[in-house]
Amino acid sequence: FVYELAHDSRTAKYLAGIAPQVGLPHYGYNKGPNKDYLPIHHIGFWGLDDATVPPIQGRSSGTGCEVECRTSESQGWFFTSSACVTAKWGDVLGLNHHSETKVMAHEDYDIPFYDELEECWSYTGSNEGGAIVIGCYFNGGHDCNLDYMNAIIINFFDENTKESPPTNESTDSPIATTSIRPSYVPTSNEPTIV
């Protein structure tokens, strides 16, 4: 659903980006961001052992993963692979692929759990608006309670913002785009937003 929000012109103009955690578009619905409302950034996290929304083509728990960019789970739901999702975003935004990308939370968060991230990659370049696309695999499955992701996401959007679109008072309401930095460190008892 979050991918649709980034593509739909009614909502994309309000988004600085999206941050899916263990979520991918269904196969055939990988449209990328709406180019009319740049920048729309992307940072996503997917579990290498996720059998509910498998992120990697050929590693799904379903049967029939012979189609490029398609993954499937055991009940027959098809998803677009995380590599193809980020590649589509990079293509739509005119970005270049980089492997071995490092992601960081702001030093104020003091989060020590980066060893859980197995691999990250990005798409960057000099496109209109300076959009950035990042994808990361972590050691785990669909039910992840890895709070460090939230700190990385907050830092990502703290550094990659977007101006508010002009509003028409008769149809739109203004949305604030102030940058905030939380004053807490997530604990393992807090739920992870997915």
C-alpha atoms as a PDB file:
ATOM      1  CA  PHE A   1       0.000   0.000   0.000  1.00  0.00           C
ATOM      2  CA  VAL A   2       2.799   2.445   0.826  1.00  0.00           C
ATOM      3  CA  TYR A   3       4.158   2.027  -2.708  1.00  0.00           C
ATOM      4  CA  GLU A   4       0.785   3.065  -4.122  1.00  0.00           C
ATOM      5  CA  LEU A   5       0.852   6.200  -1.953  1.00  0.00           C
ATOM      6  CA  ALA A   6       4.213   7.156  -3.484  1.00  0.00           C
ATOM      7  CA  HIS A   7       2.853   6.666  -7.006  1.00  0.00           C
ATOM      8  CA  ASP A   8      -0.646   8.169  -6.708  1.00  0.00           C
ATOM      9  CA  SER A   9      -0.669  11.901  -7.536  1.00  0.00           C
ATOM     10  CA  ARG A  10      -3.243  12.563  -4.806  1.00  0.00           C
ATOM     11  CA  THR A  11      -0.799  11.503  -2.085  1.00  0.00           C
ATOM     12  CA  ALA A  12       2.707  11.544  -3.622  1.00  0.00           C
ATOM     13  CA  LYS A  13       2.907  15.337  -3.488  1.00  0.00           C
ATOM     14  CA  TYR A  14       2.787  15.163   0.314  1.00  0.00           C
ATOM     15  CA  LEU A  15       5.455  12.479   0.789  1.00  0.00           C
ATOM     16  CA  ALA A  16       9.168  13.065   1.300  1.00  0.00           C
ATOM     17  CA  GLY A  17       9.538   9.322   0.789  1.00  0.00           C
ATOM     18  CA  ILE A  18       8.606   5.890   2.054  1.00  0.00           C
ATOM     19  CA  ALA A  19      10.245   3.445   4.455  1.00  0.00           C
ATOM     20  CA  PRO A  20       8.804  -0.057   4.011  1.00  0.00           C
ATOM     21  CA  GLN A  21       9.777  -2.660   6.577  1.00  0.00           C
ATOM     22  CA  VAL A  22       9.187  -6.217   5.268  1.00  0.00           C
ATOM     23  CA  GLY A  23       6.726  -4.897   2.689  1.00  0.00           C
ATOM     24  CA  LEU A  24       6.800  -5.150  -1.108  1.00  0.00           C
ATOM     25  CA  PRO A  25       4.306  -4.448  -3.900  1.00  0.00           C
ATOM     26  CA  HIS A  26       2.456  -7.399  -5.351  1.00  0.00           C
ATOM     27  CA  TYR A  27       3.919  -8.694  -8.580  1.00  0.00           C
ATOM     28  CA  GLY A  28       2.735  -6.550 -11.487  1.00  0.00           C
ATOM     29  CA  TYR A  29       2.246  -3.423  -9.350  1.00  0.00           C
ATOM     30  CA  ASN A  30       5.832  -2.158  -9.204  1.00  0.00           C
ATOM     31  CA  LYS A  31       5.257   1.330 -10.635  1.00  0.00           C
ATOM     32  CA  GLY A  32       7.931   3.335  -8.856  1.00  0.00           C
ATOM     33  CA  PRO A  33       7.424   6.843  -7.476  1.00  0.00           C
ATOM     34  CA  ASN A  34       5.446   9.605  -9.162  1.00  0.00           C
ATOM     35  CA  LYS A  35       7.989  11.685 -11.126  1.00  0.00           C
ATOM     36  CA  ASP A  36       5.780  14.774 -10.945  1.00  0.00           C
ATOM     37  CA  TYR A  37       6.409  15.149  -7.206  1.00  0.00           C
ATOM     38  CA  LEU A  38      10.152  14.752  -6.667  1.00  0.00           C
ATOM     39  CA  PRO A  39      11.980  14.082  -4.539  1.00  0.00           C
ATOM     40  CA  ILE A  40      10.376  10.936  -3.182  1.00  0.00           C
ATOM     41  CA  HIS A  41      13.024   9.003  -1.266  1.00  0.00           C
ATOM     42  CA  HIS A  42      12.966   5.282  -0.418  1.00  0.00           C
ATOM     43  CA  ILE A  43      14.598   3.251   2.340  1.00  0.00           C
ATOM     44  CA  GLY A  44      13.460  -0.338   2.796  1.00  0.00           C
ATOM     45  CA  PHE A  45      14.332  -3.300   5.017  1.00  0.00           C
ATOM     46  CA  TRP A  46      13.586  -6.950   4.239  1.00  0.00           C
ATOM     47  CA  GLY A  47      14.275 -10.149   6.178  1.00  0.00           C
ATOM     48  CA  LEU A  48      16.371 -12.769   4.427  1.00  0.00           C
ATOM     49  CA  ASP A  49      14.238 -15.519   6.026  1.00  0.00           C
ATOM     50  CA  ASP A  50      10.852 -13.871   5.380  1.00  0.00           C
ATOM     51  CA  ALA A  51       8.456 -16.553   4.102  1.00  0.00           C
ATOM     52  CA  THR A  52       5.401 -14.226   4.236  1.00  0.00           C
ATOM     53  CA  VAL A  53       6.709 -11.526   1.864  1.00  0.00           C
ATOM     54  CA  PRO A  54       9.864 -13.101   0.421  1.00  0.00           C
ATOM     55  CA  PRO A  55      12.222 -10.366  -0.757  1.00  0.00           C
ATOM     56  CA  ILE A  56      14.543 -12.367  -3.018  1.00  0.00           C
ATOM     57  CA  GLN A  57      13.662 -14.054  -6.281  1.00  0.00           C
ATOM     58  CA  GLY A  58      14.344 -17.785  -6.088  1.00  0.00           C
ATOM     59  CA  ARG A  59      14.410 -17.868  -2.281  1.00  0.00           C
ATOM     60  CA  SER A  60      10.648 -17.802  -1.823  1.00  0.00           C
ATOM     61  CA  SER A  61       8.698 -20.503  -0.081  1.00  0.00           C
ATOM     62  CA  GLY A  62       6.196 -20.799  -2.942  1.00  0.00           C
ATOM     63  CA  THR A  63       6.473 -22.879  -6.064  1.00  0.00           C
ATOM     64  CA  GLY A  64       6.789 -21.171  -9.455  1.00  0.00           C
ATOM     65  CA  CYS A  65       9.455 -18.550  -9.002  1.00  0.00           C
ATOM     66  CA  GLU A  66      10.618 -18.862 -12.597  1.00  0.00           C
ATOM     67  CA  VAL A  67       9.551 -15.326 -13.539  1.00  0.00           C
ATOM     68  CA  GLU A  68      12.089 -12.507 -13.300  1.00  0.00           C
ATOM     69  CA  CYS A  69      11.473 -10.126 -10.365  1.00  0.00           C
ATOM     70  CA  ARG A  70       8.752 -12.357  -8.871  1.00  0.00           C
ATOM     71  CA  THR A  71       8.753 -14.001  -5.468  1.00  0.00           C
ATOM     72  CA  SER A  72       5.976 -16.072  -3.945  1.00  0.00           C
ATOM     73  CA  GLU A  73       4.916 -17.353  -0.571  1.00  0.00           C
ATOM     74  CA  SER A  74       3.447 -20.785   0.166  1.00  0.00           C
ATOM     75  CA  GLN A  75      -0.221 -19.798  -0.292  1.00  0.00           C
ATOM     76  CA  GLY A  76       0.343 -18.438  -3.803  1.00  0.00           C
ATOM     77  CA  TRP A  77       0.691 -14.677  -3.282  1.00  0.00           C
ATOM     78  CA  PHE A  78       3.193 -13.116  -5.682  1.00  0.00           C
ATOM     79  CA  PHE A  79       5.386 -10.142  -4.789  1.00  0.00           C
ATOM     80  CA  THR A  80       7.974  -8.085  -6.634  1.00  0.00           C
ATOM     81  CA  SER A  81      11.507  -8.797  -5.413  1.00  0.00           C
ATOM     82  CA  SER A  82      13.212  -6.100  -3.355  1.00  0.00           C
ATOM     83  CA  ALA A  83      16.038  -5.822  -5.904  1.00  0.00           C
ATOM     84  CA  CYS A  84      13.532  -5.145  -8.707  1.00  0.00           C
ATOM     85  CA  VAL A  85      11.586  -2.648  -6.584  1.00  0.00           C
ATOM     86  CA  THR A  86      14.668  -0.567  -5.796  1.00  0.00           C
ATOM     87  CA  ALA A  87      15.909  -0.901  -9.404  1.00  0.00           C
ATOM     88  CA  LYS A  88      12.556   0.410 -10.679  1.00  0.00           C
ATOM     89  CA  TRP A  89      12.740   3.368  -8.294  1.00  0.00           C
ATOM     90  CA  GLY A  90      16.319   4.026  -9.393  1.00  0.00           C
ATOM     91  CA  ASP A  91      15.286   3.851 -13.055  1.00  0.00           C
ATOM     92  CA  VAL A  92      12.271   6.153 -12.652  1.00  0.00           C
ATOM     93  CA  LEU A  93      14.409   8.656 -10.748  1.00  0.00           C
ATOM     94  CA  GLY A  94      17.410   8.370 -13.124  1.00  0.00           C
ATOM     95  CA  LEU A  95      19.828   7.130 -10.460  1.00  0.00           C
ATOM     96  CA  ASN A  96      22.966   4.967 -10.485  1.00  0.00           C
ATOM     97  CA  HIS A  97      23.254   1.674  -8.569  1.00  0.00           C
ATOM     98  CA  HIS A  98      25.806   1.282  -5.745  1.00  0.00           C
ATOM     99  CA  SER A  99      26.400  -1.912  -3.797  1.00  0.00           C
ATOM    100  CA  GLU A 100      27.892  -2.045  -0.311  1.00  0.00           C
ATOM    101  CA  THR A 101      26.024   1.025   0.950  1.00  0.00           C
ATOM    102  CA  LYS A 102      26.383   1.992   4.612  1.00  0.00           C
ATOM    103  CA  VAL A 103      23.329   3.245   6.512  1.00  0.00           C
ATOM    104  CA  MET A 104      23.620   4.969   9.831  1.00  0.00           C
ATOM    105  CA  ALA A 105      21.476   6.273  12.616  1.00  0.00           C
ATOM    106  CA  HIS A 106      22.429   9.643  14.033  1.00  0.00           C
ATOM    107  CA  GLU A 107      25.089   9.377  16.748  1.00  0.00           C
ATOM    108  CA  ASP A 108      22.549  10.731  19.260  1.00  0.00           C
ATOM    109  CA  TYR A 109      20.671   7.426  19.073  1.00  0.00           C
ATOM    110  CA  ASP A 110      23.591   5.254  20.236  1.00  0.00           C
ATOM    111  CA  ILE A 111      22.182   2.144  18.547  1.00  0.00           C
ATOM    112  CA  PRO A 112      24.637  -0.817  18.515  1.00  0.00           C
ATOM    113  CA  PHE A 113      22.695  -3.317  16.343  1.00  0.00           C
ATOM    114  CA  TYR A 114      24.080  -2.727  12.847  1.00  0.00           C
ATOM    115  CA  ASP A 115      25.527  -6.225  12.687  1.00  0.00           C
ATOM    116  CA  GLU A 116      21.947  -7.411  12.010  1.00  0.00           C
ATOM    117  CA  LEU A 117      22.068  -5.775   8.569  1.00  0.00           C
ATOM    118  CA  GLU A 118      23.446  -8.301   6.138  1.00  0.00           C
ATOM    119  CA  GLU A 119      23.612  -6.162   2.986  1.00  0.00           C
ATOM    120  CA  CYS A 120      22.552  -2.698   1.844  1.00  0.00           C
ATOM    121  CA  TRP A 121      22.585  -1.113  -1.612  1.00  0.00           C
ATOM    122  CA  SER A 122      21.533   2.249  -2.988  1.00  0.00           C
ATOM    123  CA  TYR A 123      20.673   4.279  -6.052  1.00  0.00           C
ATOM    124  CA  THR A 124      21.933   7.851  -6.060  1.00  0.00           C
ATOM    125  CA  GLY A 125      22.786  10.525  -8.584  1.00  0.00           C
ATOM    126  CA  SER A 126      22.153  14.079  -9.624  1.00  0.00           C
ATOM    127  CA  ASN A 127      18.459  13.788 -10.425  1.00  0.00           C
ATOM    128  CA  GLU A 128      15.871  16.513  -9.946  1.00  0.00           C
ATOM    129  CA  GLY A 129      15.343  16.932  -6.221  1.00  0.00           C
ATOM    130  CA  GLY A 130      18.216  14.655  -5.188  1.00  0.00           C
ATOM    131  CA  ALA A 131      16.111  11.559  -4.426  1.00  0.00           C
ATOM    132  CA  ILE A 132      17.875   8.598  -2.802  1.00  0.00           C
ATOM    133  CA  VAL A 133      16.847   4.929  -2.883  1.00  0.00           C
ATOM    134  CA  ILE A 134      18.239   2.461  -0.304  1.00  0.00           C
ATOM    135  CA  GLY A 135      17.460  -1.206   0.288  1.00  0.00           C
ATOM    136  CA  CYS A 136      18.764  -3.458   3.097  1.00  0.00           C
ATOM    137  CA  TYR A 137      18.521  -7.130   3.998  1.00  0.00           C
ATOM    138  CA  PHE A 138      18.600  -8.117   7.656  1.00  0.00           C
ATOM    139  CA  ASN A 139      18.965 -11.460   9.384  1.00  0.00           C
ATOM    140  CA  GLY A 140      15.402 -12.406  10.268  1.00  0.00           C
ATOM    141  CA  GLY A 141      11.922 -13.047   8.975  1.00  0.00           C
ATOM    142  CA  HIS A 142       8.623 -11.230   8.585  1.00  0.00           C
ATOM    143  CA  ASP A 143       7.936 -10.697  12.290  1.00  0.00           C
ATOM    144  CA  CYS A 144      10.856  -8.481  13.070  1.00  0.00           C
ATOM    145  CA  ASN A 145      11.336  -6.473  16.218  1.00  0.00           C
ATOM    146  CA  LEU A 146      14.538  -4.750  15.180  1.00  0.00           C
ATOM    147  CA  ASP A 147      14.144  -1.272  16.619  1.00  0.00           C
ATOM    148  CA  TYR A 148      17.391   0.012  15.169  1.00  0.00           C
ATOM    149  CA  MET A 149      15.608   0.290  11.808  1.00  0.00           C
ATOM    150  CA  ASN A 150      13.427   3.066  13.213  1.00  0.00           C
ATOM    151  CA  ALA A 151      16.496   5.097  14.199  1.00  0.00           C
ATOM    152  CA  ILE A 152      18.003   4.619  10.723  1.00  0.00           C
ATOM    153  CA  ILE A 153      14.714   5.664   9.098  1.00  0.00           C
ATOM    154  CA  ILE A 154      14.383   8.770  11.262  1.00  0.00           C
ATOM    155  CA  ASN A 155      17.935   9.781  10.426  1.00  0.00           C
ATOM    156  CA  PHE A 156      17.320   9.100   6.718  1.00  0.00           C
ATOM    157  CA  PHE A 157      14.305  11.404   6.596  1.00  0.00           C
ATOM    158  CA  ASP A 158      15.925  13.963   8.850  1.00  0.00           C
ATOM    159  CA  GLU A 159      18.577  14.353   6.154  1.00  0.00           C
ATOM    160  CA  ASN A 160      16.337  13.841   3.090  1.00  0.00           C
ATOM    161  CA  THR A 161      13.384  16.179   3.250  1.00  0.00           C
ATOM    162  CA  LYS A 162      10.919  17.744   0.849  1.00  0.00           C
ATOM    163  CA  GLU A 163       9.261  21.146   0.665  1.00  0.00           C
ATOM    164  CA  SER A 164       5.503  21.296   1.161  1.00  0.00           C
ATOM    165  CA  PRO A 165       3.537  21.524  -2.072  1.00  0.00           C
ATOM    166  CA  PRO A 166       1.554  24.695  -2.718  1.00  0.00           C
ATOM    167  CA  THR A 167      -1.986  24.369  -1.404  1.00  0.00           C
ATOM    168  CA  ASN A 168      -5.297  25.459  -2.774  1.00  0.00           C
ATOM    169  CA  GLU A 169      -7.259  26.400   0.310  1.00  0.00           C
ATOM    170  CA  SER A 170     -10.518  25.242  -1.230  1.00  0.00           C
ATOM    171  CA  THR A 171      -9.315  21.682  -1.862  1.00  0.00           C
ATOM    172  CA  ASP A 172      -6.076  21.010   0.014  1.00  0.00           C
ATOM    173  CA  SER A 173      -4.922  21.505   3.540  1.00  0.00           C
ATOM    174  CA  PRO A 174      -1.289  22.397   4.206  1.00  0.00           C
ATOM    175  CA  ILE A 175       0.969  19.770   5.691  1.00  0.00           C
ATOM    176  CA  ALA A 176       3.917  20.743   7.861  1.00  0.00           C
ATOM    177  CA  THR A 177       7.332  19.438   6.842  1.00  0.00           C
ATOM    178  CA  THR A 178       9.368  20.329   9.881  1.00  0.00           C
ATOM    179  CA  SER A 179      12.313  18.130  10.617  1.00  0.00           C
ATOM    180  CA  ILE A 180      12.274  16.508  14.047  1.00  0.00           C
ATOM    181  CA  ARG A 181      14.870  14.504  15.903  1.00  0.00           C
ATOM    182  CA  PRO A 182      13.401  12.293  18.633  1.00  0.00           C
ATOM    183  CA  SER A 183      14.877  12.549  22.087  1.00  0.00           C
ATOM    184  CA  TYR A 184      14.597   8.846  22.893  1.00  0.00           C
ATOM    185  CA  VAL A 185      16.395   5.666  21.970  1.00  0.00           C
ATOM    186  CA  PRO A 186      14.030   2.860  20.938  1.00  0.00           C
ATOM    187  CA  THR A 187      14.008  -0.086  23.299  1.00  0.00           C
ATOM    188  CA  SER A 188      13.476  -3.727  22.494  1.00  0.00           C
ATOM    189  CA  ASN A 189      10.069  -3.535  24.248  1.00  0.00           C
ATOM    190  CA  GLU A 190       8.627  -1.054  21.765  1.00  0.00           C
ATOM    191  CA  PRO A 191       6.753  -2.460  18.766  1.00  0.00           C
ATOM    192  CA  THR A 192       8.314  -2.088  15.330  1.00  0.00           C
ATOM    193  CA  ILE A 193       6.147  -0.284  12.810  1.00  0.00           C
ATOM    194  CA  VAL A 194       5.569  -2.333   9.672  1.00  0.00           C
END
